[in-house]
Amino acid sequence: MNQVHGIKRASADAKYQQMTEQPIPSLILTLSIPAVVSNLVTTAYNLTDTFFIGQLGTAQSGAIGIAFSIMTILQAIGFFFGNGAGNSMSRELGKRNNERAARLLALGFAGAVLCGALVAVVCLAMLRPLVVGLGSTATIAPYAVQYLTPILLAAPCVCGSFALNGLLRYQGQSAFGMIGLVTGSLLNFLLAPLFIFVLDLGIFGAGLATGICQTVSFIILTTMSARFGVLKLSLRNCRPDMLLVREIIGGGLPSLVRQSAGSIATTCVNIAANPFGDAAIAGMAIVMRIMLGVNSVIIGLGQGFQPVCGYNYGAGKFARVREGFWFCIKLSTGVLLVLGALIWVASPQLVEIFRSDPAVVAVGVAALHFQCITVALNGTNMMGNMMSQTLGKTGIASFLAVCRTGLYLAPAVLILPHFIGITGVEVAQTVSDVLTFATSLPLLRYLLTNVLVERRERRTA
């Protein structure tokens, strides 16, 4: 038993040394690459659904936009527990409080699975009126119900997968998280066309493939966490503790706010596009999926930065936190400038991949062009949000999280169409990005020039 304990401790010590001593650029890139790959493959798997379902019809394509709101809620739960427990866990690992970190791991996992089950029961009980309330037209609603039913049945696994991916990542083990998510996503590439076309299950088959793949990912990630993590996942550590619960809530609230605001904003986009017909809803659904792919690269970079931030903040190495933040800002802004230019040029072809309907293409291309103008601002917006969350600054992180989609996008997309028609729907995200960037700057300045300095002075004293 002592020998086993010694092996675990050696693993934790080696990870601590890597996280607090390895040069920042190479460390962040090492941790970011698996996260970026996971996000890109997951996005590709979402785009695969969009592509195959687009072959069925415009109403079916619109159903994806409606389902996106529900999927965002499931992600929100997973991110809430994964990031909530993970942020505190990485700081505890930085302080070498491994026992406390292991309890956070178990609580985060159990909370995600249980809440996923609760959401499944509630949503399945009222699914038809729910999709109508989310902006479905009469023609889209039946397809949205068919697509969402098998996904909601797998909701505990969906939430658990997102949580476990984060919990592995905050231990500095993003490669293991990548294996779980990528395996499920690759399986979807095979199952989606099989179920949709060969077995003639239509859009229900797409949802069934998604539910099965998420369950496979969950099984793999659970195994990885139990056997190969720096901390070993064990439900024996899942003992209720109000101090730990408060830490999880504080650390996860920004993620919950960000994802919930995203779900609300998606619903508002659907509602705003509704008067302009199925083509408008389908066009905006395609744009959201494409831009999700772009942002997933930057999110992956930020996910590589977060465990570095948490470990070093917990260890009192604040200069490394600042160095990592600026490295990520510069890299993400450059990457987004390049991707924005490429998407601008290829916008018609990208939209036509998913739906060749001229009305859908017209809406999609205009929206993509608007978003490409300001997409480079998202590097600063996202990195600031992720750093404040990992530092435990719940208020700032929650406020920044709600800005882009809740505080600015939702009102913009509901108000602007009254003045400029469908263009108001297409340009709303661009308006939101500019306002979010302007809001973020003073808060980031405060974090960099006051929060870390004050903490350093307290430790020195």
Protein backbone atom coordinates (compact mmCIF):
# COMPACT_ATOMS: atom_id res chain seq x y z
CA MET A 1 0.00 0.00 0.00
CA ASN A 2 2.80 2.43 0.86
CA GLN A 3 4.50 1.57 -2.42
CA VAL A 4 1.33 2.43 -4.36
CA HIS A 5 1.02 5.69 -2.45
CA GLY A 6 4.65 6.48 -3.27
CA ILE A 7 4.04 5.97 -6.98
CA LYS A 8 1.07 8.35 -6.91
CA ARG A 9 3.07 10.95 -5.01
CA ALA A 10 5.98 10.73 -7.44
CA SER A 11 3.57 11.31 -10.32
CA ALA A 12 2.11 14.38 -8.60
CA ASP A 13 5.58 15.73 -7.83
CA ALA A 14 6.72 15.29 -11.43
CA LYS A 15 3.63 17.09 -12.69
CA TYR A 16 4.16 19.92 -10.16
CA GLN A 17 7.73 20.38 -11.35
CA GLN A 18 6.67 20.43 -14.99
CA MET A 19 3.88 22.95 -14.41
CA THR A 20 5.95 25.35 -12.32
CA GLU A 21 9.36 25.13 -14.00
CA GLN A 22 9.03 24.27 -17.70
CA PRO A 23 9.33 27.34 -20.00
CA ILE A 24 5.92 28.93 -20.44
CA PRO A 25 5.55 28.88 -24.26
CA SER A 26 6.46 25.20 -24.65
CA LEU A 27 4.40 24.22 -21.59
CA ILE A 28 1.26 25.97 -22.81
CA LEU A 29 1.65 24.59 -26.31
CA THR A 30 2.19 21.07 -24.94
CA LEU A 31 -1.06 21.30 -22.97
CA SER A 32 -2.96 23.23 -25.64
CA ILE A 33 -2.39 20.95 -28.61
CA PRO A 34 -4.47 18.02 -27.22
CA ALA A 35 -7.18 20.49 -26.17
CA VAL A 36 -7.22 22.12 -29.61
CA VAL A 37 -7.36 18.72 -31.30
CA SER A 38 -10.24 17.66 -29.02
CA ASN A 39 -12.15 20.85 -29.75
CA LEU A 40 -11.56 20.67 -33.50
CA VAL A 41 -12.59 17.03 -33.73
CA THR A 42 -15.67 17.75 -31.60
CA THR A 43 -16.50 20.68 -33.85
CA ALA A 44 -15.93 18.53 -36.92
CA TYR A 45 -18.33 16.00 -35.47
CA ASN A 46 -20.90 18.78 -34.96
CA LEU A 47 -20.32 19.95 -38.53
CA THR A 48 -20.72 16.37 -39.73
CA ASP A 49 -24.21 16.31 -38.24
CA THR A 50 -24.91 19.67 -39.85
CA PHE A 51 -23.68 18.42 -43.23
CA PHE A 52 -25.58 15.13 -43.25
CA ILE A 53 -28.77 16.66 -41.86
CA GLY A 54 -28.47 19.44 -44.43
CA GLN A 55 -28.97 16.78 -47.11
CA LEU A 56 -32.42 16.03 -45.65
CA GLY A 57 -33.90 19.52 -46.07
CA THR A 58 -33.99 23.14 -44.86
CA ALA A 59 -36.38 22.41 -41.98
CA GLN A 60 -34.06 19.69 -40.71
CA SER A 61 -31.12 22.11 -40.89
CA GLY A 62 -33.13 24.57 -38.84
CA ALA A 63 -33.73 21.88 -36.22
CA ILE A 64 -29.99 21.82 -35.56
CA GLY A 65 -30.13 25.49 -34.59
CA ILE A 66 -32.94 24.77 -32.14
CA ALA A 67 -31.14 21.74 -30.68
CA PHE A 68 -27.99 23.84 -30.25
CA SER A 69 -29.66 25.66 -27.34
CA ILE A 70 -30.27 22.39 -25.47
CA MET A 71 -26.80 21.08 -26.24
CA THR A 72 -25.37 24.32 -24.87
CA ILE A 73 -27.22 23.73 -21.59
CA LEU A 74 -25.75 20.23 -21.30
CA GLN A 75 -22.29 21.65 -22.00
CA ALA A 76 -22.94 24.36 -19.42
CA ILE A 77 -23.56 21.75 -16.72
CA GLY A 78 -20.43 19.80 -17.67
CA PHE A 79 -18.29 22.93 -17.78
CA PHE A 80 -19.78 24.19 -14.50
CA PHE A 81 -18.64 21.10 -12.60
CA GLY A 82 -15.50 20.43 -14.63
CA ASN A 83 -14.19 24.00 -14.45
CA GLY A 84 -15.64 24.65 -11.01
CA ALA A 85 -13.88 21.70 -9.43
CA GLY A 86 -10.92 21.92 -11.81
CA ASN A 87 -9.99 25.53 -11.07
CA SER A 88 -9.77 24.88 -7.34
CA MET A 89 -8.16 21.49 -7.96
CA SER A 90 -5.29 23.01 -9.98
CA ARG A 91 -4.64 25.62 -7.29
CA GLU A 92 -4.65 22.90 -4.61
CA LEU A 93 -2.21 20.85 -6.67
CA GLY A 94 -0.03 23.94 -6.90
CA LYS A 95 -0.12 24.10 -3.08
CA ARG A 96 0.47 20.31 -2.95
CA ASN A 97 -2.83 19.67 -1.17
CA ASN A 98 -3.45 16.47 -3.12
CA GLU A 99 -6.06 14.95 -0.81
CA ARG A 100 -8.27 18.01 -1.04
CA ALA A 101 -7.78 18.09 -4.82
CA ALA A 102 -8.93 14.44 -5.06
CA ARG A 103 -12.15 15.26 -3.22
CA LEU A 104 -12.84 18.14 -5.62
CA LEU A 105 -12.34 15.72 -8.52
CA ALA A 106 -14.91 13.25 -7.18
CA LEU A 107 -17.48 15.92 -6.32
CA GLY A 108 -17.19 17.54 -9.75
CA PHE A 109 -17.71 14.23 -11.53
CA ALA A 110 -20.71 13.13 -9.44
CA GLY A 111 -22.38 16.54 -9.65
CA ALA A 112 -22.19 16.62 -13.46
CA VAL A 113 -23.70 13.15 -13.91
CA LEU A 114 -26.55 13.73 -11.44
CA CYS A 115 -27.49 17.13 -12.88
CA GLY A 116 -27.38 15.70 -16.40
CA ALA A 117 -29.91 13.07 -15.35
CA LEU A 118 -32.18 15.74 -13.85
CA VAL A 119 -32.10 17.85 -17.03
CA ALA A 120 -32.91 14.77 -19.11
CA VAL A 121 -36.03 14.01 -17.08
CA VAL A 122 -37.31 17.59 -17.14
CA CYS A 123 -36.64 18.24 -20.84
CA LEU A 124 -38.04 14.92 -22.07
CA ALA A 125 -41.23 15.54 -20.12
CA MET A 126 -41.90 18.81 -21.96
CA LEU A 127 -39.87 18.50 -25.17
CA ARG A 128 -42.46 19.60 -27.75
CA PRO A 129 -43.44 22.87 -26.03
CA LEU A 130 -39.77 23.40 -25.18
CA VAL A 131 -38.57 23.40 -28.80
CA VAL A 132 -41.45 25.68 -29.79
CA GLY A 133 -40.42 28.10 -27.05
CA LEU A 134 -36.84 27.99 -28.33
CA GLY A 135 -37.94 29.43 -31.69
CA SER A 136 -39.05 26.45 -33.79
CA THR A 137 -41.45 27.04 -36.65
CA ALA A 138 -44.28 24.55 -37.16
CA THR A 139 -42.23 22.73 -39.80
CA ILE A 140 -39.00 22.61 -37.75
CA ALA A 141 -40.45 21.50 -34.39
CA PRO A 142 -41.07 17.78 -35.21
CA TYR A 143 -37.51 17.36 -36.46
CA ALA A 144 -36.07 19.11 -33.40
CA VAL A 145 -37.98 16.69 -31.15
CA GLN A 146 -36.72 13.66 -33.09
CA TYR A 147 -33.11 14.85 -32.99
CA LEU A 148 -33.08 15.78 -29.29
CA THR A 149 -34.81 12.72 -27.83
CA PRO A 150 -31.86 10.26 -27.97
CA ILE A 151 -29.40 13.02 -27.04
CA LEU A 152 -31.35 13.82 -23.88
CA LEU A 153 -31.48 10.13 -22.96
CA ALA A 154 -27.68 10.25 -22.95
CA ALA A 155 -27.56 13.58 -21.07
CA PRO A 156 -25.82 12.21 -17.93
CA CYS A 157 -23.01 10.92 -20.14
CA VAL A 158 -22.87 14.17 -22.13
CA CYS A 159 -22.50 16.26 -18.97
CA GLY A 160 -20.09 13.76 -17.43
CA SER A 161 -17.86 13.77 -20.53
CA PHE A 162 -17.50 17.54 -20.60
CA ALA A 163 -16.78 17.59 -16.86
CA LEU A 164 -14.19 14.81 -17.01
CA ASN A 165 -12.40 16.41 -19.94
CA GLY A 166 -11.97 19.56 -17.85
CA LEU A 167 -10.98 17.68 -14.71
CA LEU A 168 -8.24 15.81 -16.58
CA ARG A 169 -7.09 19.01 -18.26
CA TYR A 170 -6.72 20.90 -14.96
CA GLN A 171 -4.40 18.14 -13.77
CA GLY A 172 -2.20 18.85 -16.78
CA GLN A 173 -3.41 15.63 -18.45
CA SER A 174 -5.14 17.09 -21.51
CA ALA A 175 -3.89 14.26 -23.74
CA PHE A 176 -6.07 11.76 -21.87
CA GLY A 177 -9.09 14.02 -22.28
CA MET A 178 -8.33 14.24 -25.99
CA ILE A 179 -8.37 10.45 -26.36
CA GLY A 180 -11.86 10.18 -24.88
CA LEU A 181 -13.46 12.98 -26.87
CA VAL A 182 -11.73 12.21 -30.15
CA THR A 183 -12.68 8.52 -30.03
CA GLY A 184 -16.35 9.37 -29.62
CA SER A 185 -16.22 12.01 -32.34
CA LEU A 186 -14.53 9.72 -34.85
CA LEU A 187 -17.15 7.07 -34.15
CA ASN A 188 -19.83 9.63 -35.04
CA PHE A 189 -18.34 10.05 -38.51
CA LEU A 190 -19.21 6.39 -39.11
CA LEU A 191 -22.52 6.11 -37.27
CA ALA A 192 -24.20 9.32 -38.48
CA PRO A 193 -24.38 8.46 -42.21
CA LEU A 194 -25.11 4.81 -41.35
CA PHE A 195 -28.13 5.69 -39.20
CA ILE A 196 -29.37 8.62 -41.31
CA PHE A 197 -29.15 7.11 -44.79
CA VAL A 198 -28.44 3.37 -44.70
CA LEU A 199 -30.90 2.57 -41.90
CA ASP A 200 -33.17 5.40 -43.11
CA LEU A 201 -33.63 6.85 -39.61
CA GLY A 202 -33.34 10.44 -40.82
CA ILE A 203 -32.68 13.15 -38.27
CA PHE A 204 -33.52 10.77 -35.42
CA GLY A 205 -30.56 8.67 -36.56
CA ALA A 206 -28.28 11.70 -36.28
CA GLY A 207 -29.39 12.24 -32.69
CA LEU A 208 -29.02 8.54 -31.91
CA ALA A 209 -25.46 8.53 -33.27
CA THR A 210 -24.62 11.55 -31.12
CA GLY A 211 -26.07 9.93 -27.99
CA ILE A 212 -24.13 6.69 -28.55
CA CYS A 213 -20.87 8.52 -29.24
CA GLN A 214 -21.19 10.68 -26.14
CA THR A 215 -21.75 7.55 -24.06
CA VAL A 216 -18.63 5.92 -25.51
CA SER A 217 -16.60 9.06 -24.73
CA PHE A 218 -17.93 9.05 -21.17
CA ILE A 219 -16.87 5.44 -20.58
CA ILE A 220 -13.37 6.10 -21.92
CA LEU A 221 -12.91 9.32 -19.93
CA THR A 222 -14.13 7.68 -16.73
CA THR A 223 -11.61 4.87 -17.21
CA MET A 224 -8.82 7.37 -17.92
CA SER A 225 -9.64 9.39 -14.81
CA ALA A 226 -9.80 6.31 -12.58
CA ARG A 227 -6.56 4.76 -13.81
CA PHE A 228 -4.25 7.34 -15.36
CA GLY A 229 -4.90 10.77 -13.82
CA VAL A 230 -2.45 12.50 -11.49
CA LEU A 231 -5.36 12.13 -9.08
CA LYS A 232 -7.30 8.87 -9.30
CA LEU A 233 -11.07 9.28 -9.63
CA SER A 234 -12.83 7.44 -6.81
CA LEU A 235 -16.39 7.96 -5.59
CA ARG A 236 -15.13 7.14 -2.08
CA ASN A 237 -13.78 10.71 -2.10
CA CYS A 238 -17.24 12.07 -2.88
CA ARG A 239 -18.06 13.27 0.63
CA PRO A 240 -20.25 16.40 0.86
CA ASP A 241 -18.37 19.39 2.23
CA MET A 242 -19.89 22.87 2.10
CA LEU A 243 -16.49 24.54 1.75
CA LEU A 244 -15.68 22.42 -1.30
CA VAL A 245 -19.18 22.88 -2.72
CA ARG A 246 -18.80 26.66 -2.41
CA GLU A 247 -15.47 26.47 -4.22
CA ILE A 248 -17.01 24.46 -7.04
CA ILE A 249 -19.89 26.91 -7.36
CA GLY A 250 -17.55 29.89 -7.32
CA GLY A 251 -15.16 28.38 -9.84
CA GLY A 252 -17.88 27.01 -12.10
CA LEU A 253 -20.32 29.92 -12.05
CA PRO A 254 -18.54 31.83 -14.87
CA SER A 255 -18.73 28.73 -17.10
CA LEU A 256 -22.39 28.20 -16.25
CA VAL A 257 -23.13 31.86 -16.93
CA ARG A 258 -21.16 31.82 -20.19
CA GLN A 259 -22.82 28.68 -21.54
CA SER A 260 -26.30 29.60 -20.29
CA ALA A 261 -25.98 33.05 -21.83
CA GLY A 262 -24.90 31.32 -25.04
CA SER A 263 -28.01 29.16 -24.96
CA ILE A 264 -30.21 32.20 -24.37
CA ALA A 265 -28.46 34.11 -27.15
CA THR A 266 -28.92 31.18 -29.56
CA THR A 267 -32.61 31.12 -28.71
CA CYS A 268 -32.80 34.87 -29.31
CA VAL A 269 -31.09 34.43 -32.70
CA ASN A 270 -33.66 31.77 -33.63
CA ILE A 271 -36.54 33.96 -32.45
CA ALA A 272 -35.19 36.98 -34.32
CA ALA A 273 -34.66 34.91 -37.50
CA ASN A 274 -38.08 33.22 -37.21
CA PRO A 275 -40.06 35.97 -39.05
CA PHE A 276 -37.68 35.66 -41.99
CA GLY A 277 -38.42 31.94 -42.45
CA ASP A 278 -36.72 28.55 -42.21
CA ALA A 279 -33.86 29.64 -44.48
CA ALA A 280 -32.84 32.39 -42.07
CA ILE A 281 -32.85 30.01 -39.09
CA ALA A 282 -30.90 27.39 -41.06
CA GLY A 283 -28.36 29.96 -42.32
CA MET A 284 -27.65 31.28 -38.83
CA ALA A 285 -27.40 27.70 -37.47
CA ILE A 286 -24.71 26.93 -40.07
CA VAL A 287 -22.83 30.14 -39.23
CA MET A 288 -22.90 29.34 -35.52
CA ARG A 289 -21.38 25.92 -36.18
CA ILE A 290 -18.64 27.34 -38.44
CA MET A 291 -17.66 30.07 -35.98
CA LEU A 292 -17.76 27.54 -33.16
CA GLY A 293 -15.00 25.73 -35.03
CA VAL A 294 -12.93 28.92 -35.26
CA ASN A 295 -13.38 29.77 -31.60
CA SER A 296 -12.65 26.19 -30.56
CA VAL A 297 -9.01 26.71 -31.55
CA ILE A 298 -8.70 29.67 -29.21
CA ILE A 299 -10.66 27.94 -26.47
CA GLY A 300 -8.18 25.05 -26.73
CA LEU A 301 -5.28 27.46 -26.29
CA GLY A 302 -6.98 28.96 -23.24
CA GLN A 303 -7.64 25.49 -21.87
CA GLY A 304 -3.91 24.82 -22.10
CA PHE A 305 -3.23 28.04 -20.22
CA GLN A 306 -5.72 27.44 -17.40
CA PRO A 307 -3.88 24.60 -15.57
CA VAL A 308 -0.63 26.55 -15.95
CA CYS A 309 -2.37 29.57 -14.45
CA GLY A 310 -3.90 27.56 -11.59
CA TYR A 311 -0.77 25.63 -10.64
CA ASN A 312 1.47 28.70 -10.68
CA TYR A 313 -1.03 30.93 -8.93
CA GLY A 314 -1.34 28.32 -6.19
CA ALA A 315 2.46 27.99 -6.01
CA GLY A 316 2.89 31.77 -5.79
CA LYS A 317 4.70 32.09 -9.14
CA PHE A 318 2.79 35.11 -10.41
CA ALA A 319 5.25 36.24 -13.08
CA ARG A 320 4.61 32.95 -14.88
CA VAL A 321 0.86 33.61 -14.80
CA ARG A 322 1.34 37.01 -16.45
CA GLU A 323 3.82 35.64 -18.99
CA GLY A 324 1.40 32.88 -19.96
CA PHE A 325 -1.49 35.31 -20.33
CA TRP A 326 0.37 37.62 -22.72
CA PHE A 327 1.72 34.69 -24.71
CA CYS A 328 -1.83 33.43 -25.24
CA ILE A 329 -3.16 36.88 -26.17
CA LYS A 330 -0.55 37.37 -28.88
CA LEU A 331 -0.86 33.86 -30.30
CA SER A 332 -4.66 33.77 -30.28
CA THR A 333 -5.00 37.19 -31.93
CA GLY A 334 -2.63 36.19 -34.72
CA VAL A 335 -4.38 32.87 -35.32
CA LEU A 336 -7.81 34.54 -35.43
CA LEU A 337 -6.64 37.15 -37.93
CA VAL A 338 -5.52 34.39 -40.29
CA LEU A 339 -8.66 32.28 -39.82
CA GLY A 340 -10.92 35.31 -40.23
CA ALA A 341 -9.29 36.18 -43.56
CA LEU A 342 -9.59 32.60 -44.83
CA ILE A 343 -13.25 32.31 -43.85
CA TRP A 344 -14.10 35.68 -45.45
CA VAL A 345 -12.74 34.46 -48.78
CA ALA A 346 -14.32 31.00 -48.58
CA SER A 347 -17.67 31.96 -47.03
CA PRO A 348 -19.94 30.99 -49.97
CA GLN A 349 -18.28 27.60 -50.38
CA LEU A 350 -18.39 26.91 -46.64
CA VAL A 351 -22.11 27.58 -46.35
CA GLU A 352 -22.91 25.64 -49.53
CA ILE A 353 -21.21 22.56 -48.08
CA PHE A 354 -24.02 22.32 -45.54
CA ARG A 355 -26.96 23.65 -47.55
CA SER A 356 -27.03 24.81 -51.17
CA ASP A 357 -30.37 26.64 -50.86
CA PRO A 358 -29.65 30.18 -52.23
CA ALA A 359 -31.66 31.84 -49.45
CA VAL A 360 -29.69 29.97 -46.80
CA VAL A 361 -26.38 30.81 -48.50
CA ALA A 362 -27.26 34.52 -48.70
CA VAL A 363 -27.93 34.75 -44.95
CA GLY A 364 -24.92 32.62 -44.03
CA VAL A 365 -22.39 34.50 -46.17
CA ALA A 366 -23.49 37.92 -44.90
CA ALA A 367 -23.33 36.79 -41.26
CA LEU A 368 -19.90 35.20 -41.74
CA HIS A 369 -18.50 38.35 -43.35
CA PHE A 370 -19.70 40.49 -40.46
CA GLN A 371 -18.23 38.14 -37.87
CA CYS A 372 -14.87 37.90 -39.65
CA ILE A 373 -14.42 41.65 -39.20
CA THR A 374 -14.19 41.39 -35.41
CA VAL A 375 -13.27 37.75 -34.76
CA ALA A 376 -9.67 38.66 -33.77
CA LEU A 377 -11.02 40.48 -30.70
CA ASN A 378 -12.18 37.18 -29.24
CA GLY A 379 -8.63 36.20 -28.26
CA THR A 380 -8.53 38.94 -25.64
CA ASN A 381 -12.15 38.38 -24.64
CA MET A 382 -11.70 34.63 -24.04
CA MET A 383 -8.26 34.70 -22.40
CA GLY A 384 -9.35 37.39 -19.96
CA ASN A 385 -12.40 35.40 -19.02
CA MET A 386 -10.43 32.17 -18.56
CA MET A 387 -7.68 33.79 -16.48
CA SER A 388 -10.09 35.54 -14.11
CA GLN A 389 -12.01 32.29 -13.64
CA THR A 390 -8.87 30.29 -12.85
CA LEU A 391 -7.67 32.94 -10.42
CA GLY A 392 -10.93 32.48 -8.51
CA LYS A 393 -12.26 35.96 -9.33
CA THR A 394 -15.83 34.75 -9.71
CA GLY A 395 -17.51 38.16 -10.03
CA ILE A 396 -15.23 39.44 -12.78
CA ALA A 397 -15.20 36.11 -14.60
CA SER A 398 -19.00 35.79 -14.48
CA PHE A 399 -19.48 39.33 -15.73
CA LEU A 400 -17.05 38.84 -18.62
CA ALA A 401 -18.67 35.49 -19.40
CA VAL A 402 -22.13 37.00 -19.79
CA CYS A 403 -21.02 40.04 -21.83
CA ARG A 404 -20.50 38.55 -25.28
CA THR A 405 -23.65 36.45 -25.54
CA GLY A 406 -25.98 37.66 -22.80
CA LEU A 407 -25.42 41.31 -22.04
CA TYR A 408 -24.74 42.41 -25.62
CA LEU A 409 -25.69 39.76 -28.22
CA ALA A 410 -29.18 38.89 -26.98
CA PRO A 411 -30.44 42.52 -26.88
CA ALA A 412 -28.68 43.37 -30.15
CA VAL A 413 -30.22 40.49 -32.08
CA LEU A 414 -33.71 41.27 -30.75
CA ILE A 415 -33.54 45.05 -31.32
CA LEU A 416 -31.58 45.56 -34.55
CA PRO A 417 -33.91 43.58 -36.88
CA HIS A 418 -36.69 46.08 -36.13
CA PHE A 419 -34.57 48.76 -37.80
CA ILE A 420 -32.51 46.96 -40.47
CA GLY A 421 -34.35 43.66 -41.02
CA ILE A 422 -32.42 40.43 -41.47
CA THR A 423 -29.16 42.42 -41.50
CA GLY A 424 -29.77 43.07 -37.80
CA VAL A 425 -29.63 39.32 -37.15
CA GLU A 426 -26.51 38.94 -39.26
CA VAL A 427 -24.55 41.83 -37.69
CA ALA A 428 -25.54 41.35 -34.03
CA GLN A 429 -22.55 39.15 -33.11
CA THR A 430 -20.12 41.71 -34.53
CA VAL A 431 -21.66 44.46 -32.41
CA SER A 432 -21.42 42.21 -29.36
CA ASP A 433 -17.74 41.39 -29.97
CA VAL A 434 -16.75 45.08 -30.12
CA LEU A 435 -18.67 45.96 -26.94
CA THR A 436 -17.27 42.93 -25.09
CA PHE A 437 -13.70 43.89 -26.04
CA ALA A 438 -14.20 47.45 -24.79
CA THR A 439 -15.64 46.13 -21.53
CA SER A 440 -12.84 43.60 -21.00
CA LEU A 441 -9.87 45.97 -21.23
CA PRO A 442 -10.24 47.85 -17.91
CA LEU A 443 -11.05 44.64 -16.02
CA LEU A 444 -7.99 42.87 -17.42
CA ARG A 445 -5.83 45.85 -16.51
CA TYR A 446 -7.13 45.59 -12.94
CA LEU A 447 -6.33 41.86 -12.76
CA LEU A 448 -2.81 42.25 -14.11
CA THR A 449 -1.79 45.36 -12.17
CA ASN A 450 -3.63 44.88 -8.87
CA VAL A 451 -4.78 41.34 -8.12
CA LEU A 452 -1.48 39.54 -8.67
CA VAL A 453 0.56 42.36 -7.12
CA GLU A 454 -1.61 42.48 -4.00
CA ARG A 455 -1.36 38.71 -3.55
CA ARG A 456 2.42 38.79 -4.00
CA GLU A 457 2.72 41.49 -1.36
CA ARG A 458 0.58 39.50 1.07
CA ARG A 459 2.75 36.41 0.60
CA THR A 460 5.95 38.45 1.01
CA ALA A 461 4.62 40.03 4.19
